[in-house]
Amino acid sequence: MAQEIRSTHSARKYVRVRGPFDGDHLDTPRTQVLIYDLNLGGGFVNFGDEQPTGATLRLKIDLLREGPIMVNAEAVYRDASGVAVRFVDLDRDAAGRLARTIEALTEHSF
């Protein structure tokens, strides 16, 4: 009997890279963050002990080989370990640099 092959098609819109990526929360001076599950649409931000309460955030994300990008984000949900964010108004340069970083980190994953 032939073995069944199942599709592993993901319902996610964007390819994600686990991270963490270093960053800064620009709305609060000297607040360093770690960004996980980074993708073209957003990511998950760990603020350590103190999470911001606002619905919008400005972040600097340090990308490997591409340098830092600045992004505006909105909180999608919160839990004890951080805030899931969606990027808004991502400019063309930042989107291109982010896409190249994700591609470089995922090209040997398959």
Protein backbone atom coordinates (compact mmCIF):
# COMPACT_ATOMS: atom_id res chain seq x y z
CA MET A 1 0.00 0.00 0.00
CA ALA A 2 1.39 3.43 -0.93
CA GLN A 3 2.26 5.79 1.85
CA GLU A 4 0.13 8.94 1.98
CA ILE A 5 2.00 12.20 1.32
CA ARG A 6 0.65 15.17 3.21
CA SER A 7 1.12 18.76 2.21
CA THR A 8 2.80 21.00 4.75
CA HIS A 9 1.31 24.15 3.21
CA SER A 10 1.29 26.87 5.82
CA ALA A 11 -1.62 29.22 6.27
CA ARG A 12 0.83 32.02 7.06
CA LYS A 13 1.11 34.85 4.55
CA TYR A 14 4.88 35.43 4.96
CA VAL A 15 7.98 33.30 5.46
CA ARG A 16 9.33 33.79 8.98
CA VAL A 17 12.82 33.62 10.42
CA ARG A 18 13.08 32.66 14.07
CA GLY A 19 15.73 35.13 15.27
CA PRO A 20 16.29 36.66 17.69
CA PHE A 21 17.22 40.00 16.14
CA ASP A 22 18.48 42.83 18.31
CA GLY A 23 16.49 46.03 18.28
CA ASP A 24 15.43 49.15 20.11
CA HIS A 25 12.03 50.51 21.09
CA LEU A 26 12.42 54.08 19.85
CA ASP A 27 9.47 55.46 21.84
CA THR A 28 11.23 54.64 25.11
CA PRO A 29 14.88 55.76 25.34
CA ARG A 30 17.44 53.02 25.92
CA THR A 31 14.93 50.19 25.69
CA GLN A 32 16.52 47.24 23.94
CA VAL A 33 14.30 44.49 22.57
CA LEU A 34 14.60 41.11 20.88
CA ILE A 35 12.53 40.37 17.78
CA TYR A 36 11.47 36.80 16.97
CA ASP A 37 9.50 35.30 14.06
CA LEU A 38 10.50 38.22 11.86
CA ASN A 39 8.78 38.44 8.48
CA LEU A 40 7.72 41.05 5.91
CA GLY A 41 4.47 41.61 7.78
CA GLY A 42 5.73 41.91 11.36
CA GLY A 43 7.15 39.83 14.18
CA PHE A 44 7.10 39.14 17.89
CA VAL A 45 8.85 41.64 20.16
CA ASN A 46 10.19 40.70 23.59
CA PHE A 47 10.62 43.80 25.77
CA GLY A 48 12.07 42.05 28.79
CA ASP A 49 10.48 43.20 32.02
CA GLU A 50 8.52 46.26 30.89
CA GLN A 51 6.13 46.12 27.95
CA PRO A 52 4.83 49.34 26.40
CA THR A 53 1.10 49.97 26.70
CA GLY A 54 0.58 51.89 23.45
CA ALA A 55 -1.07 50.43 20.36
CA THR A 56 1.65 51.74 18.03
CA LEU A 57 5.41 51.30 18.28
CA ARG A 58 8.50 52.60 16.53
CA LEU A 59 11.27 50.01 16.35
CA LYS A 60 14.83 49.83 15.11
CA ILE A 61 15.71 46.29 14.00
CA ASP A 62 19.33 45.27 13.40
CA LEU A 63 19.43 43.02 10.33
CA LEU A 64 22.41 40.78 9.65
CA ARG A 65 24.50 42.13 6.75
CA GLU A 66 21.86 44.77 5.94
CA GLY A 67 22.21 47.04 8.97
CA PRO A 68 19.40 48.62 10.97
CA ILE A 69 15.94 49.44 9.66
CA MET A 70 13.32 51.65 11.29
CA VAL A 71 9.73 50.41 11.27
CA ASN A 72 6.36 51.58 12.50
CA ALA A 73 4.27 48.80 13.96
CA GLU A 74 0.94 48.21 15.61
CA ALA A 75 0.30 45.73 18.39
CA VAL A 76 -1.78 42.76 17.27
CA TYR A 77 -1.83 40.90 20.57
CA ARG A 78 0.07 40.77 23.85
CA ASP A 79 1.06 38.05 26.24
CA ALA A 80 3.43 37.76 29.19
CA SER A 81 6.47 37.25 26.94
CA GLY A 82 5.94 40.14 24.51
CA VAL A 83 3.93 41.79 21.79
CA ALA A 84 3.07 40.50 18.31
CA VAL A 85 3.28 43.40 15.87
CA ARG A 86 2.22 44.15 12.31
CA PHE A 87 4.38 46.55 10.32
CA VAL A 88 2.61 49.59 8.88
CA ASP A 89 3.87 51.92 6.15
CA LEU A 90 7.06 49.89 5.62
CA ASP A 91 9.13 51.91 3.15
CA ARG A 92 10.60 50.36 0.01
CA ASP A 93 14.22 50.38 1.26
CA ALA A 94 13.37 48.72 4.59
CA ALA A 95 11.14 46.15 2.87
CA GLY A 96 13.90 45.26 0.39
CA ARG A 97 16.54 44.91 3.10
CA LEU A 98 14.18 42.83 5.24
CA ALA A 99 13.29 40.58 2.27
CA ARG A 100 16.99 39.99 1.47
CA THR A 101 17.69 39.09 5.10
CA ILE A 102 14.80 36.62 5.26
CA GLU A 103 15.80 35.07 1.93
CA ALA A 104 19.43 34.68 3.04
CA LEU A 105 18.42 33.03 6.30
CA THR A 106 15.92 30.64 4.72
CA GLU A 107 17.65 29.64 1.48
CA HIS A 108 19.38 26.63 3.07
CA SER A 109 16.51 25.62 5.36
CA PHE A 110 14.84 23.21 2.94
